[in-house]
Amino acid sequence: MSGTLVLVRHGQSEWNLKNLFTGWRDPDLTDLGVEEAKTGGKALAETGIRFDVAFTSVLTRAQKTLDIILDEIGQAGLATIRDEALNERDYGDLSGLNKDDARAKWGEEQVHVWRRSYDVPPPGGESLRDTGARVWPYYLTEILPRVLRGEKVLVAAHGNSLRSLVMVLDRLTREEILKLNLATGVPMVYTLNADSTVKSKDVLGDMSGAH
């Protein structure tokens, strides 16, 4: 028996548009973000997948993306579990800052290290490894068992919380995951084997638009 796991990053948020570090802050979707979620939902609708349960973070931009997708696939009101384990990476002292202003304050090289290293967190925040340290146990205990029972599971979350999952699913190295960006609103459809390895992966859209 193989289940289906669909991962989708939320649509563009107001702070994405303003080039701000967002993390656990809670801005809404932009009009473009709403359209990205609708496009992702339409792509999922064409697959005919009917979900048994959905998971999302406690942040508005992911929850709204999920709601829009569920509307598009005709499953509004699907049982949904929200947990901060799926929240975006916490950017700590960088949260709310314009990325250009952060570079001016700490220097281009230091900000690049905080953004793109695997295990160096910004002040008061999380590295990608730290993010994975809360995402992976949640996935193993709450999400994966459902998929292995044959359920179809939809997860709407964030760039870094999903990257930490993709790192495990796609067996990427630290170097490979740092080069990976996930496009907003583009569903990734995984079919898993009984041993939790990936049987197939299908990306329903253009990943080149990642930002």
C-alpha atoms as a PDB file:
ATOM      1  CA  MET A   1       0.000   0.000   0.000  1.00  0.00           C
ATOM      2  CA  SER A   2       1.436   3.387  -0.959  1.00  0.00           C
ATOM      3  CA  GLY A   3       0.159   6.733   0.169  1.00  0.00           C
ATOM      4  CA  THR A   4       0.458  10.172  -1.342  1.00  0.00           C
ATOM      5  CA  LEU A   5       2.153  13.194   0.234  1.00  0.00           C
ATOM      6  CA  VAL A   6       1.719  16.609  -1.374  1.00  0.00           C
ATOM      7  CA  LEU A   7       3.878  19.528  -0.224  1.00  0.00           C
ATOM      8  CA  VAL A   8       3.189  23.123  -1.249  1.00  0.00           C
ATOM      9  CA  ARG A   9       4.852  26.359  -0.202  1.00  0.00           C
ATOM     10  CA  HIS A  10       2.483  29.236   0.561  1.00  0.00           C
ATOM     11  CA  GLY A  11       1.857  31.906  -2.067  1.00  0.00           C
ATOM     12  CA  GLN A  12       3.728  35.201  -2.036  1.00  0.00           C
ATOM     13  CA  SER A  13       3.271  37.119   1.216  1.00  0.00           C
ATOM     14  CA  GLU A  14       3.237  40.879   1.758  1.00  0.00           C
ATOM     15  CA  TRP A  15       6.685  40.647   3.328  1.00  0.00           C
ATOM     16  CA  ASN A  16       8.055  38.557   0.451  1.00  0.00           C
ATOM     17  CA  LEU A  17       7.015  41.448  -1.757  1.00  0.00           C
ATOM     18  CA  LYS A  18       8.696  44.004   0.522  1.00  0.00           C
ATOM     19  CA  ASN A  19      11.919  41.944   0.682  1.00  0.00           C
ATOM     20  CA  LEU A  20      11.657  41.531   4.465  1.00  0.00           C
ATOM     21  CA  PHE A  21      12.843  38.642   6.621  1.00  0.00           C
ATOM     22  CA  THR A  22       9.587  37.068   7.766  1.00  0.00           C
ATOM     23  CA  GLY A  23      10.162  33.931   9.829  1.00  0.00           C
ATOM     24  CA  TRP A  24       7.502  33.557  12.525  1.00  0.00           C
ATOM     25  CA  ARG A  25       5.969  36.970  11.836  1.00  0.00           C
ATOM     26  CA  ASP A  26       2.484  36.747  10.345  1.00  0.00           C
ATOM     27  CA  PRO A  27       1.868  38.836   7.211  1.00  0.00           C
ATOM     28  CA  ASP A  28      -0.983  38.000   4.845  1.00  0.00           C
ATOM     29  CA  LEU A  29      -0.847  36.877   1.219  1.00  0.00           C
ATOM     30  CA  THR A  30      -0.547  39.419  -1.578  1.00  0.00           C
ATOM     31  CA  ASP A  31      -2.968  39.367  -4.514  1.00  0.00           C
ATOM     32  CA  LEU A  32      -0.261  37.487  -6.412  1.00  0.00           C
ATOM     33  CA  GLY A  33       0.044  35.027  -3.538  1.00  0.00           C
ATOM     34  CA  VAL A  34      -3.689  34.342  -3.730  1.00  0.00           C
ATOM     35  CA  GLU A  35      -3.387  33.725  -7.473  1.00  0.00           C
ATOM     36  CA  GLU A  36      -0.397  31.415  -6.943  1.00  0.00           C
ATOM     37  CA  ALA A  37      -2.420  29.359  -4.470  1.00  0.00           C
ATOM     38  CA  LYS A  38      -5.345  29.197  -6.914  1.00  0.00           C
ATOM     39  CA  THR A  39      -3.019  28.071  -9.705  1.00  0.00           C
ATOM     40  CA  GLY A  40      -1.572  25.367  -7.472  1.00  0.00           C
ATOM     41  CA  GLY A  41      -5.061  24.269  -6.506  1.00  0.00           C
ATOM     42  CA  LYS A  42      -6.149  24.031 -10.137  1.00  0.00           C
ATOM     43  CA  ALA A  43      -3.078  21.921 -10.941  1.00  0.00           C
ATOM     44  CA  LEU A  44      -3.920  19.596  -8.054  1.00  0.00           C
ATOM     45  CA  ALA A  45      -7.566  19.416  -9.136  1.00  0.00           C
ATOM     46  CA  GLU A  46      -6.441  18.092 -12.517  1.00  0.00           C
ATOM     47  CA  THR A  47      -4.734  15.133 -10.814  1.00  0.00           C
ATOM     48  CA  GLY A  48      -8.020  14.015  -9.256  1.00  0.00           C
ATOM     49  CA  ILE A  49      -6.360  13.394  -5.873  1.00  0.00           C
ATOM     50  CA  ARG A  50      -8.843  13.376  -2.970  1.00  0.00           C
ATOM     51  CA  PHE A  51      -7.163  14.110   0.337  1.00  0.00           C
ATOM     52  CA  ASP A  52      -7.889  12.484   3.678  1.00  0.00           C
ATOM     53  CA  VAL A  53      -6.272  15.151   5.858  1.00  0.00           C
ATOM     54  CA  ALA A  54      -4.273  18.370   5.619  1.00  0.00           C
ATOM     55  CA  PHE A  55      -1.483  19.813   7.742  1.00  0.00           C
ATOM     56  CA  THR A  56      -0.322  23.412   7.962  1.00  0.00           C
ATOM     57  CA  SER A  57       1.514  25.819  10.251  1.00  0.00           C
ATOM     58  CA  VAL A  58      -0.006  28.306  12.692  1.00  0.00           C
ATOM     59  CA  LEU A  59       0.819  31.201  10.331  1.00  0.00           C
ATOM     60  CA  THR A  60      -1.794  32.987   8.233  1.00  0.00           C
ATOM     61  CA  ARG A  61      -0.035  32.816   4.867  1.00  0.00           C
ATOM     62  CA  ALA A  62       0.165  29.018   4.938  1.00  0.00           C
ATOM     63  CA  GLN A  63      -3.365  28.567   6.284  1.00  0.00           C
ATOM     64  CA  LYS A  64      -4.865  30.847   3.617  1.00  0.00           C
ATOM     65  CA  THR A  65      -2.919  29.073   0.887  1.00  0.00           C
ATOM     66  CA  LEU A  66      -4.317  25.771   2.135  1.00  0.00           C
ATOM     67  CA  ASP A  67      -7.883  27.127   2.258  1.00  0.00           C
ATOM     68  CA  ILE A  68      -7.630  28.441  -1.303  1.00  0.00           C
ATOM     69  CA  ILE A  69      -6.252  25.135  -2.584  1.00  0.00           C
ATOM     70  CA  LEU A  70      -8.989  23.165  -0.807  1.00  0.00           C
ATOM     71  CA  ASP A  71     -11.611  25.427  -2.399  1.00  0.00           C
ATOM     72  CA  GLU A  72     -10.099  24.828  -5.832  1.00  0.00           C
ATOM     73  CA  ILE A  73     -10.129  21.042  -5.453  1.00  0.00           C
ATOM     74  CA  GLY A  74     -13.628  20.937  -3.982  1.00  0.00           C
ATOM     75  CA  GLN A  75     -12.547  19.862  -0.504  1.00  0.00           C
ATOM     76  CA  ALA A  76     -13.264  22.972   1.570  1.00  0.00           C
ATOM     77  CA  GLY A  77     -13.623  22.002   5.204  1.00  0.00           C
ATOM     78  CA  LEU A  78     -11.210  19.052   5.005  1.00  0.00           C
ATOM     79  CA  ALA A  79      -9.936  17.964   8.409  1.00  0.00           C
ATOM     80  CA  THR A  80      -6.871  20.132   9.023  1.00  0.00           C
ATOM     81  CA  ILE A  81      -4.178  19.947  11.698  1.00  0.00           C
ATOM     82  CA  ARG A  82      -2.227  23.131  12.491  1.00  0.00           C
ATOM     83  CA  ASP A  83       1.082  22.996  14.337  1.00  0.00           C
ATOM     84  CA  GLU A  84       3.948  25.421  14.873  1.00  0.00           C
ATOM     85  CA  ALA A  85       6.362  22.563  14.145  1.00  0.00           C
ATOM     86  CA  LEU A  86       5.649  23.372  10.478  1.00  0.00           C
ATOM     87  CA  ASN A  87       6.288  27.110  10.890  1.00  0.00           C
ATOM     88  CA  GLU A  88       8.848  28.918   8.794  1.00  0.00           C
ATOM     89  CA  ARG A  89      12.406  29.129  10.064  1.00  0.00           C
ATOM     90  CA  ASP A  90      12.684  31.701  12.860  1.00  0.00           C
ATOM     91  CA  TYR A  91      14.948  34.507  11.642  1.00  0.00           C
ATOM     92  CA  GLY A  92      15.387  35.919  15.146  1.00  0.00           C
ATOM     93  CA  ASP A  93      16.859  39.436  15.152  1.00  0.00           C
ATOM     94  CA  LEU A  94      16.533  39.620  11.354  1.00  0.00           C
ATOM     95  CA  SER A  95      12.736  39.255  11.478  1.00  0.00           C
ATOM     96  CA  GLY A  96      10.988  42.295  10.027  1.00  0.00           C
ATOM     97  CA  LEU A  97      14.192  43.762   8.578  1.00  0.00           C
ATOM     98  CA  ASN A  98      14.632  44.613   4.920  1.00  0.00           C
ATOM     99  CA  LYS A  99      17.279  42.288   3.511  1.00  0.00           C
ATOM    100  CA  ASP A 100      19.235  45.233   2.083  1.00  0.00           C
ATOM    101  CA  ASP A 101      19.166  46.977   5.477  1.00  0.00           C
ATOM    102  CA  ALA A 102      20.414  43.797   7.139  1.00  0.00           C
ATOM    103  CA  ARG A 103      23.331  43.678   4.693  1.00  0.00           C
ATOM    104  CA  ALA A 104      24.140  47.297   5.490  1.00  0.00           C
ATOM    105  CA  LYS A 105      24.129  46.548   9.225  1.00  0.00           C
ATOM    106  CA  TRP A 106      25.983  43.220   9.354  1.00  0.00           C
ATOM    107  CA  GLY A 107      27.670  43.041   5.970  1.00  0.00           C
ATOM    108  CA  GLU A 108      26.875  41.142   2.784  1.00  0.00           C
ATOM    109  CA  GLU A 109      28.995  38.119   3.700  1.00  0.00           C
ATOM    110  CA  GLN A 110      27.567  37.652   7.198  1.00  0.00           C
ATOM    111  CA  VAL A 111      23.952  37.921   6.036  1.00  0.00           C
ATOM    112  CA  HIS A 112      24.696  35.472   3.229  1.00  0.00           C
ATOM    113  CA  VAL A 113      26.063  32.993   5.797  1.00  0.00           C
ATOM    114  CA  TRP A 114      22.938  33.337   7.948  1.00  0.00           C
ATOM    115  CA  ARG A 115      20.647  32.876   4.962  1.00  0.00           C
ATOM    116  CA  ARG A 116      22.481  30.126   3.150  1.00  0.00           C
ATOM    117  CA  SER A 117      24.533  28.092   5.591  1.00  0.00           C
ATOM    118  CA  TYR A 118      23.071  24.856   6.901  1.00  0.00           C
ATOM    119  CA  ASP A 119      23.893  25.208  10.587  1.00  0.00           C
ATOM    120  CA  VAL A 120      24.761  28.861  11.373  1.00  0.00           C
ATOM    121  CA  PRO A 121      21.692  30.623  12.821  1.00  0.00           C
ATOM    122  CA  PRO A 122      21.111  34.380  12.806  1.00  0.00           C
ATOM    123  CA  PRO A 123      21.147  36.026  16.265  1.00  0.00           C
ATOM    124  CA  GLY A 124      18.188  34.745  18.278  1.00  0.00           C
ATOM    125  CA  GLY A 125      16.963  32.579  15.402  1.00  0.00           C
ATOM    126  CA  GLU A 126      17.177  29.166  13.760  1.00  0.00           C
ATOM    127  CA  SER A 127      19.453  27.623  11.152  1.00  0.00           C
ATOM    128  CA  LEU A 128      18.038  25.236   8.566  1.00  0.00           C
ATOM    129  CA  ARG A 129      19.325  22.386  10.743  1.00  0.00           C
ATOM    130  CA  ASP A 130      17.433  23.819  13.734  1.00  0.00           C
ATOM    131  CA  THR A 131      14.277  24.034  11.632  1.00  0.00           C
ATOM    132  CA  GLY A 132      14.673  20.422  10.587  1.00  0.00           C
ATOM    133  CA  ALA A 133      15.120  19.421  14.219  1.00  0.00           C
ATOM    134  CA  ARG A 134      11.467  20.297  14.867  1.00  0.00           C
ATOM    135  CA  VAL A 135      10.026  19.462  11.431  1.00  0.00           C
ATOM    136  CA  TRP A 136      11.470  15.936  11.106  1.00  0.00           C
ATOM    137  CA  PRO A 137      10.125  14.505  14.407  1.00  0.00           C
ATOM    138  CA  TYR A 138       6.697  15.973  13.654  1.00  0.00           C
ATOM    139  CA  TYR A 139       6.751  14.447  10.186  1.00  0.00           C
ATOM    140  CA  LEU A 140       7.830  11.042  11.536  1.00  0.00           C
ATOM    141  CA  THR A 141       5.209  10.907  14.288  1.00  0.00           C
ATOM    142  CA  GLU A 142       2.200  12.744  12.816  1.00  0.00           C
ATOM    143  CA  ILE A 143       2.397  12.824   9.006  1.00  0.00           C
ATOM    144  CA  LEU A 144       4.353   9.799   7.778  1.00  0.00           C
ATOM    145  CA  PRO A 145       2.245   7.165   9.612  1.00  0.00           C
ATOM    146  CA  ARG A 146      -0.863   8.416   7.801  1.00  0.00           C
ATOM    147  CA  VAL A 147       0.852   8.268   4.424  1.00  0.00           C
ATOM    148  CA  LEU A 148       2.094   4.741   5.122  1.00  0.00           C
ATOM    149  CA  ARG A 149      -1.483   3.701   5.958  1.00  0.00           C
ATOM    150  CA  GLY A 150      -2.390   4.694   2.419  1.00  0.00           C
ATOM    151  CA  GLU A 151      -3.879   8.101   3.182  1.00  0.00           C
ATOM    152  CA  LYS A 152      -3.492  11.084   0.888  1.00  0.00           C
ATOM    153  CA  VAL A 153      -1.982  13.942   2.864  1.00  0.00           C
ATOM    154  CA  LEU A 154      -1.621  17.624   1.892  1.00  0.00           C
ATOM    155  CA  VAL A 155       0.928  19.837   3.678  1.00  0.00           C
ATOM    156  CA  ALA A 156       0.884  23.617   3.126  1.00  0.00           C
ATOM    157  CA  ALA A 157       3.850  25.223   4.826  1.00  0.00           C
ATOM    158  CA  HIS A 158       6.921  27.398   4.238  1.00  0.00           C
ATOM    159  CA  GLY A 159      10.113  27.544   2.210  1.00  0.00           C
ATOM    160  CA  ASN A 160      12.476  26.371   4.923  1.00  0.00           C
ATOM    161  CA  SER A 161      10.235  23.961   6.814  1.00  0.00           C
ATOM    162  CA  LEU A 162       9.484  22.255   3.497  1.00  0.00           C
ATOM    163  CA  ARG A 163      13.136  22.351   2.381  1.00  0.00           C
ATOM    164  CA  SER A 164      14.063  20.419   5.511  1.00  0.00           C
ATOM    165  CA  LEU A 165      11.476  17.782   4.551  1.00  0.00           C
ATOM    166  CA  VAL A 166      12.544  17.673   0.908  1.00  0.00           C
ATOM    167  CA  MET A 167      16.136  17.215   2.067  1.00  0.00           C
ATOM    168  CA  VAL A 168      15.152  13.919   3.703  1.00  0.00           C
ATOM    169  CA  LEU A 169      12.679  12.755   1.055  1.00  0.00           C
ATOM    170  CA  ASP A 170      15.005  13.481  -1.883  1.00  0.00           C
ATOM    171  CA  ARG A 171      18.127  12.423   0.048  1.00  0.00           C
ATOM    172  CA  LEU A 172      19.917  15.680  -0.608  1.00  0.00           C
ATOM    173  CA  THR A 173      23.249  16.611   0.925  1.00  0.00           C
ATOM    174  CA  ARG A 174      23.772  19.780   2.955  1.00  0.00           C
ATOM    175  CA  GLU A 175      25.296  21.407  -0.097  1.00  0.00           C
ATOM    176  CA  GLU A 176      22.431  20.370  -2.378  1.00  0.00           C
ATOM    177  CA  ILE A 177      19.669  21.582  -0.069  1.00  0.00           C
ATOM    178  CA  LEU A 178      21.287  25.017   0.240  1.00  0.00           C
ATOM    179  CA  LYS A 179      20.962  25.452  -3.539  1.00  0.00           C
ATOM    180  CA  LEU A 180      17.297  24.429  -3.574  1.00  0.00           C
ATOM    181  CA  ASN A 181      14.562  27.050  -3.640  1.00  0.00           C
ATOM    182  CA  LEU A 182      10.901  26.057  -3.644  1.00  0.00           C
ATOM    183  CA  ALA A 183       8.547  28.038  -5.844  1.00  0.00           C
ATOM    184  CA  THR A 184       5.505  29.568  -4.150  1.00  0.00           C
ATOM    185  CA  GLY A 185       2.222  27.797  -4.797  1.00  0.00           C
ATOM    186  CA  VAL A 186       3.719  24.855  -6.745  1.00  0.00           C
ATOM    187  CA  PRO A 187       2.592  21.430  -5.427  1.00  0.00           C
ATOM    188  CA  MET A 188       5.104  18.583  -5.183  1.00  0.00           C
ATOM    189  CA  VAL A 189       3.370  15.197  -5.294  1.00  0.00           C
ATOM    190  CA  TYR A 190       5.230  12.324  -3.635  1.00  0.00           C
ATOM    191  CA  THR A 191       4.228   8.668  -3.687  1.00  0.00           C
ATOM    192  CA  LEU A 192       5.974   6.750  -0.926  1.00  0.00           C
ATOM    193  CA  ASN A 193       6.979   3.110  -0.669  1.00  0.00           C
ATOM    194  CA  ALA A 194       6.100   0.999   2.371  1.00  0.00           C
ATOM    195  CA  ASP A 195       9.595   1.645   3.774  1.00  0.00           C
ATOM    196  CA  SER A 196       8.953   5.434   3.576  1.00  0.00           C
ATOM    197  CA  THR A 197      11.319   5.972   0.648  1.00  0.00           C
ATOM    198  CA  VAL A 198      10.137   7.905  -2.394  1.00  0.00           C
ATOM    199  CA  LYS A 199       8.534   5.854  -5.160  1.00  0.00           C
ATOM    200  CA  SER A 200       7.812   8.845  -7.403  1.00  0.00           C
ATOM    201  CA  LYS A 201       7.808  12.637  -7.363  1.00  0.00           C
ATOM    202  CA  ASP A 202       5.888  14.974  -9.630  1.00  0.00           C
ATOM    203  CA  VAL A 203       6.186  18.773  -9.556  1.00  0.00           C
ATOM    204  CA  LEU A 204       2.948  20.392 -10.783  1.00  0.00           C
ATOM    205  CA  GLY A 205       4.348  23.619 -12.188  1.00  0.00           C
ATOM    206  CA  ASP A 206       7.440  25.625 -12.914  1.00  0.00           C
ATOM    207  CA  MET A 207      10.026  25.542 -10.127  1.00  0.00           C
ATOM    208  CA  SER A 208      12.176  28.129 -11.893  1.00  0.00           C
ATOM    209  CA  GLY A 209      10.009  30.871 -10.454  1.00  0.00           C
ATOM    210  CA  ALA A 210      11.270  30.196  -6.943  1.00  0.00           C
ATOM    211  CA  HIS A 211      12.230  33.195  -4.855  1.00  0.00           C
END
